[in-house]
N, C-alpha and C. Protein backbone atom coordinates (compact mmCIF):
# COMPACT_ATOMS: atom_id res chain seq x y z
N MET A 1 0.84 -1.18 0.00
CA MET A 1 0.00 0.00 0.00
C MET A 1 0.88 1.24 0.00
N ILE A 2 0.56 2.21 -0.84
CA ILE A 2 1.33 3.45 -0.94
C ILE A 2 0.59 4.55 -0.18
N THR A 3 1.33 5.23 0.71
CA THR A 3 0.74 6.34 1.47
C THR A 3 1.23 7.66 0.87
N VAL A 4 0.31 8.55 0.57
CA VAL A 4 0.65 9.86 0.01
C VAL A 4 0.42 10.92 1.08
N ALA A 5 1.47 11.67 1.39
CA ALA A 5 1.34 12.75 2.37
C ALA A 5 0.79 13.99 1.69
N ILE A 6 -0.23 14.55 2.27
CA ILE A 6 -0.82 15.78 1.72
C ILE A 6 -0.49 16.92 2.66
N THR A 7 0.15 17.92 2.13
CA THR A 7 0.52 19.08 2.95
C THR A 7 -0.20 20.32 2.45
N ALA A 8 -0.44 21.24 3.36
CA ALA A 8 -1.09 22.50 2.99
C ALA A 8 -0.11 23.35 2.18
N PRO A 9 -0.60 24.13 1.22
CA PRO A 9 0.29 25.00 0.45
C PRO A 9 0.94 26.05 1.33
N ALA A 10 2.16 26.39 1.02
CA ALA A 10 2.87 27.42 1.79
C ALA A 10 2.58 28.80 1.19
N PHE A 11 2.36 29.79 2.05
CA PHE A 11 2.12 31.16 1.60
C PHE A 11 3.29 32.02 2.04
N ALA A 12 3.64 33.03 1.22
CA ALA A 12 4.74 33.94 1.53
C ALA A 12 4.41 34.75 2.79
N GLU A 13 3.15 35.09 2.97
CA GLU A 13 2.75 35.82 4.16
C GLU A 13 1.31 35.48 4.47
N GLU A 14 0.94 35.60 5.73
CA GLU A 14 -0.44 35.32 6.11
C GLU A 14 -1.36 36.39 5.55
N SER A 15 -2.62 36.05 5.42
CA SER A 15 -3.60 37.00 4.93
C SER A 15 -3.75 38.16 5.91
N PRO A 16 -3.90 39.38 5.37
CA PRO A 16 -4.11 40.54 6.26
C PRO A 16 -5.40 40.36 7.07
N LYS A 17 -5.38 40.84 8.32
CA LYS A 17 -6.54 40.76 9.19
C LYS A 17 -7.16 42.15 9.34
N LYS A 18 -8.45 42.25 9.04
CA LYS A 18 -9.13 43.54 9.08
C LYS A 18 -9.23 44.04 10.51
N VAL A 19 -8.80 45.30 10.72
CA VAL A 19 -8.91 45.95 12.02
C VAL A 19 -10.18 46.78 12.06
N GLY A 20 -10.50 47.43 10.93
CA GLY A 20 -11.71 48.23 10.85
C GLY A 20 -11.49 49.52 10.08
N LYS A 21 -12.49 50.38 10.12
CA LYS A 21 -12.42 51.69 9.46
C LYS A 21 -11.68 52.66 10.37
N ALA A 22 -10.94 53.60 9.76
CA ALA A 22 -10.21 54.60 10.54
C ALA A 22 -10.21 55.93 9.81
N LEU A 23 -10.18 56.99 10.58
CA LEU A 23 -9.99 58.34 10.05
C LEU A 23 -8.53 58.45 9.63
N VAL A 24 -8.26 59.05 8.47
CA VAL A 24 -6.87 59.24 8.04
C VAL A 24 -6.54 60.74 7.98
N THR A 25 -5.36 61.09 8.50
CA THR A 25 -4.83 62.44 8.40
C THR A 25 -3.37 62.32 7.99
N TYR A 26 -2.74 63.47 7.73
CA TYR A 26 -1.35 63.49 7.28
C TYR A 26 -0.53 64.44 8.16
N TYR A 27 0.72 64.06 8.40
CA TYR A 27 1.63 64.97 9.09
C TYR A 27 2.94 65.01 8.35
N TRP A 28 3.72 66.08 8.57
CA TRP A 28 4.92 66.31 7.78
C TRP A 28 5.97 67.06 8.58
N LEU A 29 7.17 67.08 8.05
CA LEU A 29 8.27 67.84 8.62
C LEU A 29 8.12 69.29 8.16
N ILE A 30 8.41 70.25 9.03
CA ILE A 30 8.34 71.66 8.65
C ILE A 30 9.75 72.19 8.37
N ASP A 31 9.82 73.22 7.52
CA ASP A 31 11.10 73.77 7.08
C ASP A 31 11.16 75.25 7.46
N GLU A 32 12.12 75.60 8.31
CA GLU A 32 12.23 76.98 8.80
C GLU A 32 12.51 77.98 7.69
N THR A 33 13.06 77.53 6.55
CA THR A 33 13.34 78.47 5.45
C THR A 33 12.08 78.83 4.66
N SER A 34 10.96 78.16 4.93
CA SER A 34 9.69 78.47 4.26
C SER A 34 9.26 79.91 4.59
N SER A 35 8.62 80.56 3.63
CA SER A 35 8.20 81.95 3.83
C SER A 35 7.22 82.10 5.00
N ARG A 36 6.50 81.05 5.35
CA ARG A 36 5.55 81.15 6.46
C ARG A 36 6.25 81.33 7.80
N TYR A 37 7.58 81.09 7.85
CA TYR A 37 8.32 81.24 9.10
C TYR A 37 9.25 82.45 9.10
N HIS A 38 9.08 83.37 8.15
CA HIS A 38 9.85 84.61 8.17
C HIS A 38 9.32 85.50 9.28
N GLY A 39 10.19 86.30 9.85
CA GLY A 39 9.77 87.21 10.92
C GLY A 39 10.78 87.22 12.05
N LYS A 40 10.41 87.91 13.11
CA LYS A 40 11.30 88.07 14.25
C LYS A 40 11.48 86.74 14.97
N ARG A 41 12.74 86.38 15.21
CA ARG A 41 13.05 85.13 15.89
C ARG A 41 13.10 85.36 17.40
N SER A 42 11.91 85.44 17.97
CA SER A 42 11.80 85.76 19.40
C SER A 42 11.51 84.52 20.26
N ALA A 43 11.37 83.38 19.64
CA ALA A 43 11.09 82.14 20.38
C ALA A 43 12.37 81.31 20.49
N VAL A 44 12.61 80.77 21.67
CA VAL A 44 13.83 79.98 21.91
C VAL A 44 13.48 78.50 21.99
N LEU A 45 14.28 77.68 21.30
CA LEU A 45 14.16 76.23 21.39
C LEU A 45 15.24 75.75 22.35
N ARG A 46 14.82 75.07 23.42
CA ARG A 46 15.78 74.57 24.42
C ARG A 46 15.72 73.06 24.50
N ASP A 47 16.86 72.44 24.86
CA ASP A 47 16.87 70.98 25.05
C ASP A 47 16.39 70.66 26.47
N VAL A 48 16.38 69.39 26.84
CA VAL A 48 15.84 68.99 28.15
C VAL A 48 16.66 69.53 29.32
N ARG A 49 17.91 69.88 29.08
CA ARG A 49 18.76 70.45 30.14
C ARG A 49 18.63 71.96 30.22
N GLY A 50 17.86 72.56 29.30
CA GLY A 50 17.68 74.01 29.30
C GLY A 50 18.65 74.75 28.40
N LYS A 51 19.53 74.02 27.71
CA LYS A 51 20.50 74.65 26.81
C LYS A 51 19.80 75.11 25.53
N THR A 52 20.13 76.31 25.06
CA THR A 52 19.52 76.86 23.85
C THR A 52 20.03 76.12 22.61
N ILE A 53 19.09 75.65 21.79
CA ILE A 53 19.42 75.00 20.52
C ILE A 53 19.43 76.05 19.41
N ALA A 54 18.39 76.90 19.40
CA ALA A 54 18.26 77.92 18.36
C ALA A 54 17.18 78.91 18.75
N SER A 55 17.18 80.07 18.10
CA SER A 55 16.10 81.04 18.21
C SER A 55 15.33 81.00 16.90
N THR A 56 14.02 81.06 16.99
CA THR A 56 13.19 80.94 15.80
C THR A 56 11.94 81.80 15.96
N THR A 57 11.03 81.72 15.01
CA THR A 57 9.79 82.48 15.11
C THR A 57 8.80 81.71 16.00
N PRO A 58 7.91 82.43 16.66
CA PRO A 58 6.90 81.74 17.47
C PRO A 58 6.07 80.75 16.65
N ARG A 59 5.78 81.08 15.40
CA ARG A 59 4.98 80.18 14.55
C ARG A 59 5.71 78.87 14.28
N PHE A 60 7.03 78.96 14.00
CA PHE A 60 7.80 77.73 13.76
C PHE A 60 7.80 76.86 15.01
N LYS A 61 7.99 77.47 16.17
CA LYS A 61 8.01 76.70 17.42
C LYS A 61 6.66 76.01 17.65
N ARG A 62 5.56 76.73 17.43
CA ARG A 62 4.22 76.16 17.59
C ARG A 62 4.01 74.97 16.65
N ASP A 63 4.36 75.17 15.37
CA ASP A 63 4.19 74.10 14.38
C ASP A 63 5.10 72.91 14.66
N LEU A 64 6.29 73.19 15.20
CA LEU A 64 7.23 72.12 15.53
C LEU A 64 6.66 71.20 16.61
N VAL A 65 6.01 71.79 17.59
CA VAL A 65 5.37 70.98 18.63
C VAL A 65 4.26 70.14 18.03
N MET A 66 3.47 70.74 17.12
CA MET A 66 2.34 70.03 16.53
C MET A 66 2.79 68.92 15.57
N GLU A 67 3.73 69.21 14.65
CA GLU A 67 4.15 68.23 13.64
C GLU A 67 5.20 67.26 14.17
N GLY A 68 6.01 67.71 15.13
CA GLY A 68 6.97 66.80 15.76
C GLY A 68 8.41 66.97 15.33
N SER A 69 8.65 67.38 14.07
CA SER A 69 10.04 67.56 13.62
C SER A 69 10.12 68.61 12.53
N GLY A 70 11.32 69.19 12.40
CA GLY A 70 11.52 70.24 11.40
C GLY A 70 12.98 70.45 11.08
N TRP A 71 13.20 71.16 9.99
CA TRP A 71 14.55 71.55 9.60
C TRP A 71 14.78 72.99 10.00
N LEU A 72 15.86 73.23 10.74
CA LEU A 72 16.27 74.60 11.05
C LEU A 72 16.94 75.22 9.83
N ARG A 73 17.01 76.53 9.80
CA ARG A 73 17.61 77.21 8.64
C ARG A 73 19.08 76.85 8.45
N ASP A 74 19.75 76.36 9.51
CA ASP A 74 21.16 75.95 9.38
C ASP A 74 21.31 74.50 8.92
N GLY A 75 20.17 73.82 8.63
CA GLY A 75 20.23 72.46 8.10
C GLY A 75 20.05 71.35 9.13
N ARG A 76 20.09 71.68 10.42
CA ARG A 76 19.91 70.65 11.44
C ARG A 76 18.44 70.21 11.52
N THR A 77 18.24 68.94 11.87
CA THR A 77 16.88 68.42 12.10
C THR A 77 16.62 68.48 13.60
N VAL A 78 15.54 69.16 13.96
CA VAL A 78 15.17 69.31 15.36
C VAL A 78 13.81 68.65 15.56
N MET A 79 13.62 68.05 16.73
CA MET A 79 12.34 67.41 17.00
C MET A 79 11.87 67.70 18.42
N PHE A 80 10.55 67.70 18.58
CA PHE A 80 9.96 67.87 19.91
C PHE A 80 10.36 66.68 20.76
N ASP A 81 10.77 66.94 22.00
CA ASP A 81 11.18 65.87 22.91
C ASP A 81 10.13 65.63 23.98
N ARG A 82 9.82 66.65 24.78
CA ARG A 82 8.85 66.51 25.87
C ARG A 82 8.55 67.88 26.47
N ARG A 83 7.58 67.88 27.38
CA ARG A 83 7.30 69.08 28.18
C ARG A 83 8.08 68.94 29.48
N LYS A 84 8.75 70.02 29.87
CA LYS A 84 9.50 70.01 31.13
C LYS A 84 9.40 71.39 31.75
N ASP A 85 9.07 71.43 33.03
CA ASP A 85 8.92 72.70 33.75
C ASP A 85 7.97 73.65 33.02
N GLY A 86 6.91 73.09 32.45
CA GLY A 86 5.90 73.91 31.78
C GLY A 86 6.30 74.42 30.41
N GLU A 87 7.40 73.90 29.85
CA GLU A 87 7.90 74.39 28.56
C GLU A 87 8.17 73.22 27.61
N SER A 88 7.92 73.43 26.33
CA SER A 88 8.26 72.42 25.32
C SER A 88 9.77 72.37 25.18
N ARG A 89 10.31 71.16 25.15
CA ARG A 89 11.75 70.96 24.98
C ARG A 89 11.99 70.14 23.71
N PHE A 90 13.19 70.32 23.12
CA PHE A 90 13.49 69.76 21.81
C PHE A 90 14.84 69.05 21.82
N ARG A 91 15.13 68.37 20.75
CA ARG A 91 16.45 67.73 20.59
C ARG A 91 16.84 67.73 19.13
N ILE A 92 18.15 67.72 18.89
CA ILE A 92 18.70 67.60 17.54
C ILE A 92 18.90 66.12 17.25
N THR A 93 18.60 65.70 16.02
CA THR A 93 18.79 64.31 15.63
C THR A 93 19.52 64.24 14.29
N LYS A 94 20.24 63.13 14.08
CA LYS A 94 20.92 62.92 12.80
C LYS A 94 19.97 62.37 11.74
N ALA A 95 18.81 61.85 12.17
CA ALA A 95 17.84 61.31 11.22
C ALA A 95 17.27 62.46 10.38
N LYS A 96 17.29 62.32 9.08
CA LYS A 96 16.91 63.40 8.16
C LYS A 96 15.54 64.01 8.46
N TYR A 97 14.55 63.16 8.73
CA TYR A 97 13.18 63.64 8.97
C TYR A 97 12.77 63.60 10.43
N GLY A 98 13.67 63.15 11.30
CA GLY A 98 13.33 62.98 12.70
C GLY A 98 13.06 61.53 13.01
N LEU A 99 12.71 61.27 14.27
CA LEU A 99 12.50 59.90 14.75
C LEU A 99 11.07 59.71 15.22
N THR A 100 10.62 58.47 15.13
CA THR A 100 9.33 58.10 15.68
C THR A 100 9.50 57.78 17.16
N ILE A 101 8.39 57.56 17.84
CA ILE A 101 8.44 57.24 19.26
C ILE A 101 9.12 55.89 19.51
N THR A 102 9.15 55.01 18.50
CA THR A 102 9.80 53.71 18.65
C THR A 102 11.31 53.78 18.37
N GLY A 103 11.81 54.98 18.00
CA GLY A 103 13.23 55.15 17.71
C GLY A 103 13.58 54.94 16.26
N CYS A 104 12.59 54.70 15.42
CA CYS A 104 12.84 54.50 13.98
C CYS A 104 12.89 55.84 13.26
N PRO A 105 13.76 56.00 12.27
CA PRO A 105 13.73 57.22 11.47
C PRO A 105 12.39 57.32 10.73
N LEU A 106 11.81 58.52 10.70
CA LEU A 106 10.59 58.73 9.94
C LEU A 106 10.86 58.48 8.47
N ASP A 107 9.98 57.74 7.83
CA ASP A 107 10.12 57.35 6.43
C ASP A 107 8.89 57.86 5.67
N PRO A 108 9.08 58.87 4.79
CA PRO A 108 7.93 59.40 4.07
C PRO A 108 7.14 58.32 3.33
N TYR A 109 5.81 58.41 3.44
CA TYR A 109 4.87 57.50 2.78
C TYR A 109 4.91 56.08 3.35
N ARG A 110 5.63 55.85 4.46
CA ARG A 110 5.67 54.53 5.10
C ARG A 110 5.34 54.62 6.59
N SER A 111 5.89 55.61 7.30
CA SER A 111 5.67 55.72 8.75
C SER A 111 4.27 56.26 9.03
N ILE A 112 3.61 55.65 10.01
CA ILE A 112 2.32 56.16 10.44
C ILE A 112 2.29 56.26 11.96
N ALA A 113 1.48 57.20 12.45
CA ALA A 113 1.23 57.33 13.88
C ALA A 113 -0.14 56.75 14.17
N VAL A 114 -0.23 56.04 15.30
CA VAL A 114 -1.47 55.36 15.67
C VAL A 114 -1.69 55.47 17.18
N ASP A 115 -2.88 55.11 17.60
CA ASP A 115 -3.17 54.86 19.00
C ASP A 115 -2.81 53.39 19.25
N PRO A 116 -1.91 53.10 20.17
CA PRO A 116 -1.51 51.70 20.42
C PRO A 116 -2.67 50.77 20.79
N LYS A 117 -3.79 51.34 21.24
CA LYS A 117 -4.96 50.51 21.54
C LYS A 117 -5.70 50.12 20.27
N PHE A 118 -5.45 50.85 19.18
CA PHE A 118 -6.10 50.54 17.90
C PHE A 118 -5.22 49.62 17.06
N VAL A 119 -3.93 49.97 16.93
CA VAL A 119 -2.96 49.15 16.20
C VAL A 119 -1.69 49.06 17.03
N LYS A 120 -1.17 47.87 17.18
CA LYS A 120 0.06 47.66 17.96
C LYS A 120 1.25 48.34 17.27
N PRO A 121 2.04 49.13 18.02
CA PRO A 121 3.24 49.75 17.43
C PRO A 121 4.17 48.68 16.86
N GLY A 122 4.76 48.97 15.71
CA GLY A 122 5.64 48.03 15.04
C GLY A 122 4.93 47.20 13.99
N SER A 123 3.59 47.23 13.98
CA SER A 123 2.81 46.44 13.03
C SER A 123 2.94 46.97 11.61
N THR A 124 2.88 46.06 10.65
CA THR A 124 2.75 46.45 9.24
C THR A 124 1.26 46.45 8.93
N ILE A 125 0.79 47.58 8.40
CA ILE A 125 -0.63 47.65 8.06
C ILE A 125 -0.79 47.84 6.56
N TYR A 126 -1.97 47.50 6.09
CA TYR A 126 -2.31 47.62 4.67
C TYR A 126 -3.59 48.43 4.54
N ILE A 127 -3.55 49.46 3.68
CA ILE A 127 -4.71 50.29 3.41
C ILE A 127 -4.99 50.20 1.91
N PRO A 128 -5.98 49.40 1.49
CA PRO A 128 -6.20 49.17 0.06
C PRO A 128 -6.52 50.44 -0.73
N GLN A 129 -7.19 51.42 -0.10
CA GLN A 129 -7.54 52.64 -0.82
C GLN A 129 -6.32 53.46 -1.25
N LEU A 130 -5.17 53.23 -0.62
CA LEU A 130 -3.96 54.00 -0.95
C LEU A 130 -3.01 53.25 -1.88
N LYS A 131 -3.33 52.00 -2.16
CA LYS A 131 -2.51 51.23 -3.10
C LYS A 131 -2.63 51.85 -4.49
N GLY A 132 -1.47 51.99 -5.16
CA GLY A 132 -1.46 52.55 -6.51
C GLY A 132 -1.24 54.04 -6.57
N ALA A 133 -1.15 54.71 -5.42
CA ALA A 133 -0.87 56.15 -5.42
C ALA A 133 0.48 56.40 -6.07
N LYS A 134 0.56 57.38 -6.97
CA LYS A 134 1.82 57.71 -7.65
C LYS A 134 2.68 58.57 -6.73
N LEU A 135 3.85 58.04 -6.34
CA LEU A 135 4.76 58.74 -5.44
C LEU A 135 5.68 59.69 -6.22
N PRO A 136 6.29 60.67 -5.54
CA PRO A 136 7.16 61.63 -6.24
C PRO A 136 8.31 61.00 -7.03
N ASP A 137 8.79 59.81 -6.62
CA ASP A 137 9.90 59.17 -7.35
C ASP A 137 9.42 58.38 -8.56
N GLY A 138 8.10 58.43 -8.85
CA GLY A 138 7.56 57.75 -10.03
C GLY A 138 7.03 56.35 -9.77
N THR A 139 7.27 55.81 -8.57
CA THR A 139 6.77 54.46 -8.25
C THR A 139 5.33 54.54 -7.76
N GLU A 140 4.70 53.37 -7.66
CA GLU A 140 3.35 53.29 -7.13
C GLU A 140 3.39 52.71 -5.73
N HIS A 141 2.61 53.27 -4.83
CA HIS A 141 2.56 52.79 -3.45
C HIS A 141 1.86 51.43 -3.40
N ASP A 142 2.38 50.53 -2.54
CA ASP A 142 1.78 49.20 -2.40
C ASP A 142 0.71 49.12 -1.32
N GLY A 143 0.43 50.25 -0.67
CA GLY A 143 -0.61 50.28 0.35
C GLY A 143 -0.16 49.84 1.73
N LYS A 144 1.15 49.53 1.90
CA LYS A 144 1.66 49.06 3.19
C LYS A 144 2.36 50.19 3.95
N PHE A 145 2.18 50.20 5.27
CA PHE A 145 2.76 51.21 6.15
C PHE A 145 3.24 50.54 7.43
N ILE A 146 4.13 51.24 8.16
CA ILE A 146 4.62 50.72 9.44
C ILE A 146 4.10 51.61 10.57
N ALA A 147 3.43 51.02 11.53
CA ALA A 147 2.90 51.75 12.68
C ALA A 147 4.04 52.01 13.67
N SER A 148 4.84 53.03 13.38
CA SER A 148 6.05 53.26 14.17
C SER A 148 6.01 54.53 15.03
N ASP A 149 4.88 55.25 15.02
CA ASP A 149 4.80 56.48 15.80
C ASP A 149 3.50 56.50 16.61
N ARG A 150 3.49 57.31 17.64
CA ARG A 150 2.32 57.44 18.53
C ARG A 150 1.61 58.74 18.21
N GLY A 151 0.34 58.66 17.89
CA GLY A 151 -0.43 59.86 17.57
C GLY A 151 -0.91 60.58 18.81
N HIS A 152 -1.20 61.88 18.66
CA HIS A 152 -1.77 62.69 19.75
C HIS A 152 -3.28 62.62 19.65
N PHE A 153 -3.81 61.40 19.61
CA PHE A 153 -5.25 61.17 19.45
C PHE A 153 -5.56 59.79 20.01
N HIS A 154 -6.84 59.46 20.06
CA HIS A 154 -7.26 58.16 20.58
C HIS A 154 -8.22 57.49 19.60
N GLY A 155 -8.13 56.17 19.53
CA GLY A 155 -9.08 55.41 18.75
C GLY A 155 -8.68 55.14 17.32
N ALA A 156 -9.68 54.93 16.48
CA ALA A 156 -9.49 54.51 15.09
C ALA A 156 -9.07 55.69 14.21
N HIS A 157 -7.79 55.95 14.21
CA HIS A 157 -7.21 57.11 13.51
C HIS A 157 -5.81 56.71 13.04
N ILE A 158 -5.51 56.99 11.78
CA ILE A 158 -4.19 56.73 11.19
C ILE A 158 -3.63 58.06 10.70
N ASP A 159 -2.44 58.45 11.16
CA ASP A 159 -1.80 59.70 10.75
C ASP A 159 -0.55 59.32 9.95
N ILE A 160 -0.53 59.64 8.66
CA ILE A 160 0.54 59.20 7.75
C ILE A 160 1.58 60.29 7.58
N PHE A 161 2.87 59.93 7.79
CA PHE A 161 3.97 60.88 7.56
C PHE A 161 4.25 60.94 6.07
N THR A 162 4.22 62.18 5.51
CA THR A 162 4.33 62.33 4.06
C THR A 162 5.58 63.07 3.57
N GLY A 163 6.48 63.45 4.47
CA GLY A 163 7.70 64.12 4.00
C GLY A 163 7.76 65.56 4.46
N VAL A 164 8.08 66.48 3.54
CA VAL A 164 8.30 67.88 3.89
C VAL A 164 7.15 68.77 3.41
N GLY A 165 6.51 69.44 4.33
CA GLY A 165 5.47 70.41 4.00
C GLY A 165 4.11 69.81 3.70
N PRO A 166 3.07 70.65 3.79
CA PRO A 166 1.69 70.17 3.62
C PRO A 166 1.37 69.63 2.23
N HIS A 167 2.12 70.06 1.20
CA HIS A 167 1.84 69.58 -0.16
C HIS A 167 2.32 68.14 -0.38
N ALA A 168 3.10 67.60 0.56
CA ALA A 168 3.63 66.24 0.39
C ALA A 168 2.55 65.17 0.43
N SER A 169 1.35 65.52 0.88
CA SER A 169 0.26 64.52 0.94
C SER A 169 -0.44 64.34 -0.41
N ARG A 170 -0.04 65.09 -1.44
CA ARG A 170 -0.72 65.04 -2.73
C ARG A 170 -0.85 63.65 -3.36
N PRO A 171 0.17 62.77 -3.27
CA PRO A 171 -0.01 61.45 -3.88
C PRO A 171 -1.27 60.73 -3.37
N PHE A 172 -1.63 60.94 -2.10
CA PHE A 172 -2.80 60.28 -1.55
C PHE A 172 -4.07 61.09 -1.78
N THR A 173 -3.98 62.41 -1.68
CA THR A 173 -5.18 63.22 -1.90
C THR A 173 -5.62 63.16 -3.37
N ARG A 174 -4.67 62.97 -4.28
CA ARG A 174 -5.02 62.82 -5.70
C ARG A 174 -5.77 61.51 -5.96
N LYS A 175 -5.62 60.55 -5.06
CA LYS A 175 -6.38 59.29 -5.17
C LYS A 175 -7.76 59.43 -4.54
N GLY A 176 -8.06 60.63 -4.07
CA GLY A 176 -9.37 60.88 -3.47
C GLY A 176 -9.42 60.67 -1.98
N ILE A 177 -8.24 60.48 -1.34
CA ILE A 177 -8.21 60.28 0.11
C ILE A 177 -7.69 61.56 0.76
N ALA A 178 -8.59 62.52 0.92
CA ALA A 178 -8.24 63.79 1.57
C ALA A 178 -8.08 63.57 3.07
N SER A 179 -7.43 64.52 3.73
CA SER A 179 -7.33 64.45 5.19
C SER A 179 -8.73 64.40 5.79
N ARG A 180 -8.91 63.54 6.77
CA ARG A 180 -10.15 63.31 7.48
C ARG A 180 -11.13 62.43 6.69
N SER A 181 -10.61 61.74 5.65
CA SER A 181 -11.38 60.69 4.98
C SER A 181 -11.33 59.45 5.86
N HIS A 182 -12.13 58.44 5.52
CA HIS A 182 -12.08 57.16 6.22
C HIS A 182 -11.55 56.08 5.30
N VAL A 183 -10.68 55.23 5.85
CA VAL A 183 -10.07 54.15 5.09
C VAL A 183 -10.25 52.84 5.86
N THR A 184 -10.03 51.73 5.16
CA THR A 184 -10.09 50.41 5.80
C THR A 184 -8.68 49.97 6.16
N VAL A 185 -8.50 49.54 7.38
CA VAL A 185 -7.17 49.19 7.89
C VAL A 185 -7.08 47.68 8.15
N TYR A 186 -6.01 47.08 7.61
CA TYR A 186 -5.71 45.67 7.84
C TYR A 186 -4.32 45.59 8.48
N VAL A 187 -4.12 44.60 9.34
CA VAL A 187 -2.78 44.30 9.88
C VAL A 187 -2.27 43.05 9.20
N ILE A 188 -1.01 43.10 8.73
CA ILE A 188 -0.38 41.94 8.11
C ILE A 188 0.36 41.18 9.21
N PRO A 189 -0.09 39.98 9.56
CA PRO A 189 0.53 39.24 10.67
C PRO A 189 2.00 38.91 10.42
N ASN A 190 2.74 38.78 11.51
CA ASN A 190 4.15 38.34 11.49
C ASN A 190 5.07 39.25 10.68
N GLN A 191 4.74 40.53 10.62
CA GLN A 191 5.63 41.48 9.94
C GLN A 191 5.91 42.68 10.82
N ASP A 192 6.00 42.47 12.14
CA ASP A 192 6.29 43.58 13.05
C ASP A 192 7.66 44.16 12.74
N ARG A 193 7.75 45.50 12.83
CA ARG A 193 8.99 46.20 12.53
C ARG A 193 9.33 47.19 13.63
N GLY A 194 9.33 46.74 14.87
CA GLY A 194 9.55 47.66 15.99
C GLY A 194 10.96 47.67 16.53
N ASP A 195 11.96 47.29 15.73
CA ASP A 195 13.31 47.09 16.27
C ASP A 195 14.35 48.10 15.78
N CYS A 196 13.96 49.14 15.06
CA CYS A 196 14.98 50.06 14.51
C CYS A 196 15.31 51.16 15.50
N LYS A 197 16.56 51.60 15.43
CA LYS A 197 17.05 52.68 16.29
C LYS A 197 17.84 53.65 15.43
N GLU A 198 18.05 54.86 15.94
CA GLU A 198 18.81 55.88 15.21
C GLU A 198 20.25 55.45 15.06
């Protein structure tokens, strides 16, 4: 008698698991050389020890706290660090666009900020509505992102890092996914990426 072993087919990756619908927004790095930041440099950026990093405009400092990272006019990348003694504190980083809360360099069109209760940090997620978006380098987006940052929000919300300035979100808005649209979010199992450091 001949016995034939039957094995299940092997897949390159497990099927994505639907998490649900989420609000999508975009965030970006700000550039101090932009005309919106011209004016009197009366605001001081200090590190956690209180040492002055740079003087800038109040608007740049406000936007830096909101967006998280920016380029100073001298070319350095500065990022919001924490609140200390009632004041926002900052740090200089070698990462071109700044760092995520997990220590990973921000990657335009890949890094996203999430609520850890909605999506586990380090997870690879898939958003089908964004697949096929034409990126500035001429390639098409595959719809995959890394949940490597923590958003200043709660619940079903995905905030996508798009690069430099508000116009960097155009590849996605041209696909009809404007800020505050809703998208479907899937997690791709066994593709966690929470191990990168500066």
